[in-house]
């Protein structure tokens, strides 16, 4: 038997998905290079889809879906602005920060996927999204490494 209610565990994932979407929205609005802007917009669309899926799962559990991200996500938005400003005319700081933030999102999904106190259904949902999140984070990290 799981200790963490299924809806609560999925809401944890939902908060991370909101953080991710907010990061890509911020990245798309700040990117100077149209290729990065387009990439961030595509990832934002994917996260919006993930958010809708998770909201449906939370509702199916009889819970109210959360509508925003975490305090850490809010702090990360300020860090992103600072790194972007320091990079001046380059997207280097922006891409690196978005990659770092996505690593945190993937870690949150991995924690839920591996947590035996969470319901099997919630672990399955987390694991299902984790593969795509991890692949996308690695792609962002590789983009960030190109600036070095």
N, C-alpha and C. Protein backbone atom coordinates (compact mmCIF):
# COMPACT_ATOMS: atom_id res chain seq x y z
N UNK A 1 0.84 -1.19 0.00
CA UNK A 1 0.00 0.00 0.00
C UNK A 1 0.88 1.25 0.00
N UNK A 2 0.47 2.25 -0.73
CA UNK A 2 1.27 3.47 -0.82
C UNK A 2 0.90 4.43 0.31
N UNK A 3 1.91 5.20 0.75
CA UNK A 3 1.71 6.17 1.82
C UNK A 3 1.25 7.53 1.29
N UNK A 4 1.67 7.87 0.07
CA UNK A 4 1.35 9.16 -0.52
C UNK A 4 0.13 8.99 -1.42
N UNK A 5 -0.93 9.77 -1.16
CA UNK A 5 -2.11 9.66 -2.03
C UNK A 5 -1.76 9.92 -3.50
N UNK A 6 -2.39 9.17 -4.37
CA UNK A 6 -2.07 9.25 -5.79
C UNK A 6 -2.21 10.67 -6.34
N UNK A 7 -3.30 11.34 -6.02
CA UNK A 7 -3.52 12.71 -6.51
C UNK A 7 -2.44 13.66 -6.03
N UNK A 8 -2.01 13.48 -4.80
CA UNK A 8 -0.95 14.33 -4.24
C UNK A 8 0.37 14.11 -4.98
N UNK A 9 0.69 12.85 -5.24
CA UNK A 9 1.93 12.54 -5.95
C UNK A 9 1.90 13.10 -7.37
N UNK A 10 0.77 12.99 -8.05
CA UNK A 10 0.68 13.52 -9.41
C UNK A 10 0.70 15.04 -9.39
N UNK A 11 0.12 15.65 -8.36
CA UNK A 11 0.21 17.11 -8.24
C UNK A 11 1.66 17.57 -8.07
N UNK A 12 2.48 16.75 -7.42
CA UNK A 12 3.91 17.06 -7.31
C UNK A 12 4.54 17.11 -8.70
N UNK A 13 4.19 16.14 -9.54
CA UNK A 13 4.66 16.14 -10.92
C UNK A 13 4.13 17.35 -11.68
N UNK A 14 2.89 17.68 -11.41
CA UNK A 14 2.25 18.81 -12.09
C UNK A 14 2.95 20.12 -11.75
N UNK A 15 3.34 20.30 -10.50
CA UNK A 15 4.09 21.51 -10.12
C UNK A 15 5.41 21.60 -10.91
N UNK A 16 6.09 20.47 -11.03
CA UNK A 16 7.35 20.45 -11.81
C UNK A 16 7.09 20.74 -13.28
N UNK A 17 6.00 20.22 -13.81
CA UNK A 17 5.67 20.48 -15.22
C UNK A 17 5.37 21.97 -15.42
N UNK A 18 4.71 22.59 -14.45
CA UNK A 18 4.47 24.04 -14.52
C UNK A 18 5.80 24.80 -14.49
N UNK A 19 6.71 24.38 -13.62
CA UNK A 19 8.04 25.01 -13.58
C UNK A 19 8.73 24.90 -14.94
N UNK A 20 8.65 23.72 -15.54
CA UNK A 20 9.28 23.51 -16.83
C UNK A 20 8.64 24.40 -17.90
N UNK A 21 7.32 24.42 -17.94
CA UNK A 21 6.63 25.26 -18.93
C UNK A 21 6.99 26.73 -18.74
N UNK A 22 7.02 27.17 -17.49
CA UNK A 22 7.39 28.57 -17.22
C UNK A 22 8.80 28.86 -17.70
N UNK A 23 9.71 27.91 -17.51
CA UNK A 23 11.09 28.09 -17.96
C UNK A 23 11.18 28.21 -19.47
N UNK A 24 10.47 27.34 -20.18
CA UNK A 24 10.50 27.40 -21.64
C UNK A 24 9.80 28.66 -22.17
N UNK A 25 8.74 29.08 -21.50
CA UNK A 25 8.07 30.33 -21.88
C UNK A 25 9.04 31.49 -21.72
N UNK A 26 9.74 31.51 -20.59
CA UNK A 26 10.73 32.56 -20.34
C UNK A 26 11.87 32.48 -21.35
N UNK A 27 12.33 31.27 -21.62
CA UNK A 27 13.41 31.10 -22.60
C UNK A 27 13.01 31.59 -23.98
N UNK A 28 11.79 31.26 -24.40
CA UNK A 28 11.32 31.69 -25.73
C UNK A 28 11.23 33.21 -25.81
N UNK A 29 10.84 33.84 -24.72
CA UNK A 29 10.69 35.30 -24.74
C UNK A 29 12.04 36.02 -24.67
N UNK A 30 13.06 35.37 -24.14
CA UNK A 30 14.37 36.02 -23.97
C UNK A 30 15.40 35.63 -25.02
N UNK A 31 15.16 34.54 -25.75
CA UNK A 31 16.15 34.04 -26.71
C UNK A 31 16.36 35.04 -27.84
N UNK A 32 17.60 35.24 -28.17
CA UNK A 32 17.96 36.13 -29.27
C UNK A 32 17.99 35.37 -30.60
N UNK A 33 18.45 34.13 -30.53
CA UNK A 33 18.58 33.29 -31.71
C UNK A 33 17.21 32.68 -32.02
N UNK A 34 16.71 32.87 -33.24
CA UNK A 34 15.39 32.32 -33.59
C UNK A 34 15.32 30.79 -33.48
N UNK A 35 16.44 30.11 -33.66
CA UNK A 35 16.44 28.65 -33.51
C UNK A 35 16.16 28.25 -32.06
N UNK A 36 16.77 28.96 -31.11
CA UNK A 36 16.51 28.67 -29.70
C UNK A 36 15.08 29.05 -29.34
N UNK A 37 14.63 30.19 -29.85
CA UNK A 37 13.26 30.63 -29.57
C UNK A 37 12.28 29.55 -30.05
N UNK A 38 12.49 29.04 -31.25
CA UNK A 38 11.62 28.01 -31.80
C UNK A 38 11.68 26.72 -30.97
N UNK A 39 12.89 26.32 -30.59
CA UNK A 39 13.05 25.12 -29.76
C UNK A 39 12.31 25.27 -28.44
N UNK A 40 12.48 26.42 -27.79
CA UNK A 40 11.81 26.64 -26.50
C UNK A 40 10.29 26.66 -26.66
N UNK A 41 9.81 27.22 -27.76
CA UNK A 41 8.37 27.23 -28.00
C UNK A 41 7.84 25.81 -28.21
N UNK A 42 8.61 24.98 -28.93
CA UNK A 42 8.21 23.58 -29.13
C UNK A 42 8.17 22.83 -27.80
N UNK A 43 9.17 23.07 -26.96
CA UNK A 43 9.20 22.40 -25.65
C UNK A 43 8.06 22.92 -24.77
N UNK A 44 7.74 24.21 -24.89
CA UNK A 44 6.61 24.76 -24.13
C UNK A 44 5.32 24.06 -24.54
N UNK A 45 5.13 23.85 -25.83
CA UNK A 45 3.94 23.14 -26.30
C UNK A 45 3.89 21.73 -25.72
N UNK A 46 5.03 21.05 -25.70
CA UNK A 46 5.07 19.70 -25.13
C UNK A 46 4.74 19.72 -23.64
N UNK A 47 5.27 20.69 -22.91
CA UNK A 47 4.98 20.77 -21.47
C UNK A 47 3.52 21.11 -21.22
N UNK A 48 2.95 21.95 -22.07
CA UNK A 48 1.53 22.28 -21.94
C UNK A 48 0.70 21.01 -22.10
N UNK A 49 1.08 20.17 -23.06
CA UNK A 49 0.39 18.89 -23.22
C UNK A 49 0.55 18.00 -22.00
N UNK A 50 1.76 17.95 -21.44
CA UNK A 50 2.00 17.17 -20.23
C UNK A 50 1.16 17.71 -19.07
N UNK A 51 1.09 19.02 -18.95
CA UNK A 51 0.28 19.63 -17.89
C UNK A 51 -1.18 19.19 -18.02
N UNK A 52 -1.72 19.25 -19.23
CA UNK A 52 -3.12 18.84 -19.42
C UNK A 52 -3.33 17.37 -19.07
N UNK A 53 -2.38 16.54 -19.45
CA UNK A 53 -2.47 15.11 -19.11
C UNK A 53 -2.45 14.91 -17.60
N UNK A 54 -1.51 15.56 -16.93
CA UNK A 54 -1.41 15.42 -15.47
C UNK A 54 -2.63 15.99 -14.76
N UNK A 55 -3.15 17.10 -15.26
CA UNK A 55 -4.38 17.67 -14.66
C UNK A 55 -5.52 16.66 -14.75
N UNK A 56 -5.64 15.99 -15.88
CA UNK A 56 -6.68 14.97 -16.03
C UNK A 56 -6.50 13.83 -15.06
N UNK A 57 -5.25 13.42 -14.85
CA UNK A 57 -4.96 12.33 -13.91
C UNK A 57 -5.31 12.74 -12.48
N UNK A 58 -4.97 13.97 -12.10
CA UNK A 58 -5.28 14.44 -10.76
C UNK A 58 -6.80 14.51 -10.56
N UNK A 59 -7.50 15.05 -11.54
CA UNK A 59 -8.95 15.15 -11.47
C UNK A 59 -9.59 13.76 -11.36
N UNK A 60 -9.04 12.79 -12.12
CA UNK A 60 -9.56 11.42 -12.06
C UNK A 60 -9.39 10.81 -10.67
N UNK A 61 -8.42 11.32 -9.91
CA UNK A 61 -8.20 10.84 -8.54
C UNK A 61 -9.12 11.55 -7.54
N UNK A 62 -9.95 12.47 -8.04
CA UNK A 62 -10.86 13.20 -7.16
C UNK A 62 -10.21 14.38 -6.46
N UNK A 63 -9.05 14.79 -6.94
CA UNK A 63 -8.33 15.93 -6.33
C UNK A 63 -8.41 17.13 -7.25
N UNK A 64 -8.05 18.28 -6.72
CA UNK A 64 -7.98 19.52 -7.49
C UNK A 64 -6.55 19.69 -8.01
N UNK A 65 -6.36 19.83 -9.32
CA UNK A 65 -5.01 20.02 -9.86
C UNK A 65 -4.43 21.37 -9.44
N UNK A 66 -3.14 21.39 -9.13
CA UNK A 66 -2.47 22.65 -8.83
C UNK A 66 -2.37 23.45 -10.12
N UNK A 67 -2.30 24.75 -9.98
CA UNK A 67 -2.31 25.63 -11.15
C UNK A 67 -1.00 26.36 -11.37
N UNK A 68 -0.02 26.11 -10.50
CA UNK A 68 1.26 26.81 -10.67
C UNK A 68 2.39 25.93 -10.19
N UNK A 69 3.61 26.44 -10.36
CA UNK A 69 4.81 25.68 -10.02
C UNK A 69 5.22 25.85 -8.57
N UNK A 70 6.49 25.69 -8.33
CA UNK A 70 7.04 25.69 -6.98
C UNK A 70 7.76 27.01 -6.68
N UNK A 71 8.09 27.19 -5.42
CA UNK A 71 8.90 28.35 -5.02
C UNK A 71 10.29 28.28 -5.65
N UNK A 72 10.83 27.08 -5.76
CA UNK A 72 12.13 26.91 -6.40
C UNK A 72 12.04 27.35 -7.86
N UNK A 73 10.95 26.98 -8.52
CA UNK A 73 10.76 27.41 -9.91
C UNK A 73 10.71 28.92 -10.03
N UNK A 74 10.06 29.56 -9.09
CA UNK A 74 10.00 31.03 -9.08
C UNK A 74 11.39 31.62 -8.91
N UNK A 75 12.16 31.08 -7.99
CA UNK A 75 13.53 31.56 -7.79
C UNK A 75 14.37 31.34 -9.05
N UNK A 76 14.16 30.21 -9.70
CA UNK A 76 14.91 29.92 -10.92
C UNK A 76 14.63 30.92 -12.03
N UNK A 77 13.43 31.47 -12.06
CA UNK A 77 13.12 32.49 -13.07
C UNK A 77 14.00 33.72 -12.89
N UNK A 78 14.25 34.10 -11.65
CA UNK A 78 15.14 35.23 -11.39
C UNK A 78 16.58 34.91 -11.75
N UNK A 79 17.00 33.69 -11.45
CA UNK A 79 18.36 33.26 -11.80
C UNK A 79 18.54 33.28 -13.31
N UNK A 80 17.51 32.85 -14.03
CA UNK A 80 17.58 32.85 -15.49
C UNK A 80 17.78 34.26 -16.03
N UNK A 81 17.05 35.21 -15.49
CA UNK A 81 17.20 36.60 -15.93
C UNK A 81 18.63 37.08 -15.67
N UNK A 82 19.14 36.79 -14.49
CA UNK A 82 20.50 37.24 -14.14
C UNK A 82 21.53 36.61 -15.08
N UNK A 83 21.44 35.31 -15.30
CA UNK A 83 22.42 34.65 -16.19
C UNK A 83 22.31 35.18 -17.62
N UNK A 84 21.10 35.44 -18.04
CA UNK A 84 20.91 35.96 -19.39
C UNK A 84 21.49 37.36 -19.53
N UNK A 85 21.28 38.18 -18.52
CA UNK A 85 21.83 39.55 -18.56
C UNK A 85 23.35 39.54 -18.56
N UNK A 86 23.93 38.63 -17.81
CA UNK A 86 25.39 38.54 -17.75
C UNK A 86 25.99 38.08 -19.09
N UNK A 87 25.22 37.31 -19.84
CA UNK A 87 25.71 36.81 -21.13
C UNK A 87 25.65 37.86 -22.23
N UNK A 88 25.00 38.96 -21.95
CA UNK A 88 24.86 40.10 -22.87
C UNK A 88 24.22 39.70 -24.19
N UNK A 89 24.96 39.69 -25.27
CA UNK A 89 24.40 39.45 -26.60
C UNK A 89 24.32 37.98 -26.97
N UNK A 90 24.70 37.09 -26.08
CA UNK A 90 24.72 35.66 -26.35
C UNK A 90 23.57 34.96 -25.62
N UNK A 91 23.13 33.85 -26.17
CA UNK A 91 22.13 33.01 -25.51
C UNK A 91 22.77 31.96 -24.62
N UNK A 92 24.08 32.04 -24.45
CA UNK A 92 24.81 31.03 -23.69
C UNK A 92 24.24 30.85 -22.28
N UNK A 93 24.11 31.91 -21.53
CA UNK A 93 23.62 31.82 -20.16
C UNK A 93 22.18 31.33 -20.10
N UNK A 94 21.38 31.77 -21.03
CA UNK A 94 19.98 31.37 -21.08
C UNK A 94 19.85 29.87 -21.33
N UNK A 95 20.55 29.38 -22.33
CA UNK A 95 20.48 27.95 -22.67
C UNK A 95 21.01 27.10 -21.50
N UNK A 96 22.12 27.53 -20.92
CA UNK A 96 22.69 26.79 -19.80
C UNK A 96 21.73 26.74 -18.61
N UNK A 97 21.08 27.85 -18.34
CA UNK A 97 20.16 27.90 -17.21
C UNK A 97 18.90 27.07 -17.47
N UNK A 98 18.37 27.12 -18.67
CA UNK A 98 17.21 26.30 -18.99
C UNK A 98 17.58 24.82 -18.88
N UNK A 99 18.77 24.46 -19.34
CA UNK A 99 19.23 23.06 -19.23
C UNK A 99 19.33 22.66 -17.76
N UNK A 100 19.87 23.53 -16.93
CA UNK A 100 19.99 23.23 -15.50
C UNK A 100 18.62 23.05 -14.87
N UNK A 101 17.70 23.92 -15.22
CA UNK A 101 16.35 23.84 -14.67
C UNK A 101 15.65 22.55 -15.09
N UNK A 102 15.83 22.17 -16.34
CA UNK A 102 15.20 20.94 -16.82
C UNK A 102 15.78 19.71 -16.14
N UNK A 103 17.05 19.79 -15.76
CA UNK A 103 17.65 18.71 -14.99
C UNK A 103 16.93 18.55 -13.65
N UNK A 104 16.58 19.65 -13.02
CA UNK A 104 15.84 19.60 -11.76
C UNK A 104 14.45 19.00 -11.95
N UNK A 105 13.80 19.37 -13.04
CA UNK A 105 12.47 18.82 -13.34
C UNK A 105 12.56 17.31 -13.52
N UNK A 106 13.55 16.86 -14.31
CA UNK A 106 13.72 15.42 -14.53
C UNK A 106 14.01 14.70 -13.21
N UNK A 107 14.80 15.32 -12.34
CA UNK A 107 15.09 14.71 -11.04
C UNK A 107 13.81 14.56 -10.21
N UNK A 108 12.92 15.55 -10.27
CA UNK A 108 11.66 15.45 -9.53
C UNK A 108 10.81 14.29 -10.04
N UNK A 109 10.75 14.12 -11.36
CA UNK A 109 9.99 13.01 -11.92
C UNK A 109 10.64 11.68 -11.55
N UNK A 110 11.97 11.64 -11.56
CA UNK A 110 12.68 10.41 -11.19
C UNK A 110 12.41 10.04 -9.73
N UNK A 111 12.37 11.04 -8.86
CA UNK A 111 12.09 10.78 -7.44
C UNK A 111 10.73 10.12 -7.26
N UNK A 112 9.72 10.64 -7.95
CA UNK A 112 8.39 10.05 -7.83
C UNK A 112 8.37 8.66 -8.46
N UNK A 113 9.02 8.49 -9.61
CA UNK A 113 9.04 7.19 -10.29
C UNK A 113 9.69 6.11 -9.44
N UNK A 114 10.65 6.50 -8.59
CA UNK A 114 11.41 5.53 -7.79
C UNK A 114 10.93 5.42 -6.34
N UNK A 115 9.91 6.17 -5.96
CA UNK A 115 9.48 6.23 -4.57
C UNK A 115 8.47 5.13 -4.25
N UNK A 116 8.85 4.15 -3.44
CA UNK A 116 7.92 3.05 -3.13
C UNK A 116 6.72 3.49 -2.28
N UNK A 117 6.79 4.69 -1.69
CA UNK A 117 5.65 5.15 -0.89
C UNK A 117 4.56 5.78 -1.76
N UNK A 118 4.84 5.91 -3.06
CA UNK A 118 3.89 6.49 -4.00
C UNK A 118 3.16 5.36 -4.72
N UNK A 119 1.92 5.59 -5.08
CA UNK A 119 1.13 4.56 -5.75
C UNK A 119 1.79 4.12 -7.06
N UNK A 120 1.50 2.89 -7.43
CA UNK A 120 2.03 2.34 -8.69
C UNK A 120 1.60 3.20 -9.87
N UNK A 121 0.36 3.66 -9.87
CA UNK A 121 -0.13 4.47 -10.99
C UNK A 121 0.67 5.77 -11.12
N UNK A 122 0.92 6.43 -10.00
CA UNK A 122 1.69 7.68 -10.04
C UNK A 122 3.13 7.41 -10.48
N UNK A 123 3.71 6.30 -10.01
CA UNK A 123 5.08 5.96 -10.43
C UNK A 123 5.11 5.69 -11.94
N UNK A 124 4.09 5.03 -12.45
CA UNK A 124 4.03 4.73 -13.87
C UNK A 124 3.92 6.02 -14.69
N UNK A 125 3.11 6.95 -14.25
CA UNK A 125 2.96 8.24 -14.94
C UNK A 125 4.29 8.98 -14.94
N UNK A 126 4.96 9.01 -13.80
CA UNK A 126 6.26 9.70 -13.69
C UNK A 126 7.29 9.05 -14.60
N UNK A 127 7.34 7.74 -14.58
CA UNK A 127 8.32 7.02 -15.41
C UNK A 127 8.04 7.23 -16.88
N UNK A 128 6.77 7.29 -17.25
CA UNK A 128 6.40 7.50 -18.65
C UNK A 128 6.88 8.83 -19.18
N UNK A 129 6.80 9.86 -18.38
CA UNK A 129 7.24 11.20 -18.80
C UNK A 129 8.75 11.36 -18.65
N UNK A 130 9.34 10.62 -17.74
CA UNK A 130 10.76 10.80 -17.41
C UNK A 130 11.68 10.56 -18.60
N UNK A 131 11.40 9.55 -19.38
CA UNK A 131 12.28 9.25 -20.52
C UNK A 131 12.36 10.44 -21.47
N UNK A 132 11.21 11.02 -21.80
CA UNK A 132 11.21 12.18 -22.70
C UNK A 132 11.88 13.39 -22.05
N UNK A 133 11.61 13.63 -20.78
CA UNK A 133 12.23 14.75 -20.08
C UNK A 133 13.75 14.61 -20.05
N UNK A 134 14.22 13.42 -19.80
CA UNK A 134 15.66 13.17 -19.73
C UNK A 134 16.31 13.37 -21.09
N UNK A 135 15.68 12.86 -22.13
CA UNK A 135 16.21 13.03 -23.49
C UNK A 135 16.29 14.52 -23.85
N UNK A 136 15.25 15.25 -23.56
CA UNK A 136 15.22 16.68 -23.88
C UNK A 136 16.24 17.46 -23.05
N UNK A 137 16.42 17.08 -21.79
CA UNK A 137 17.40 17.76 -20.95
C UNK A 137 18.80 17.53 -21.49
N UNK A 138 19.09 16.32 -21.91
CA UNK A 138 20.41 16.03 -22.47
C UNK A 138 20.66 16.82 -23.74
N UNK A 139 19.64 16.97 -24.56
CA UNK A 139 19.77 17.78 -25.78
C UNK A 139 20.09 19.23 -25.43
N UNK A 140 19.41 19.76 -24.42
CA UNK A 140 19.69 21.13 -23.99
C UNK A 140 21.10 21.26 -23.43
N UNK A 141 21.51 20.28 -22.65
CA UNK A 141 22.87 20.32 -22.10
C UNK A 141 23.90 20.29 -23.23
N UNK A 142 23.64 19.50 -24.26
CA UNK A 142 24.55 19.45 -25.40
C UNK A 142 24.60 20.79 -26.13
N UNK A 143 23.47 21.45 -26.25
CA UNK A 143 23.43 22.78 -26.85
C UNK A 143 24.27 23.76 -26.02
N UNK A 144 24.09 23.68 -24.72
CA UNK A 144 24.83 24.54 -23.81
C UNK A 144 26.34 24.31 -23.94
N UNK A 145 26.73 23.05 -24.09
CA UNK A 145 28.16 22.71 -24.24
C UNK A 145 28.76 23.26 -25.52
N UNK A 146 27.94 23.49 -26.54
CA UNK A 146 28.45 24.04 -27.80
C UNK A 146 28.99 25.45 -27.65
N UNK A 147 28.57 26.14 -26.62
CA UNK A 147 29.03 27.51 -26.39
C UNK A 147 30.44 27.56 -25.83
N UNK A 148 30.95 26.43 -25.30
CA UNK A 148 32.25 26.42 -24.64
C UNK A 148 33.38 26.35 -25.61
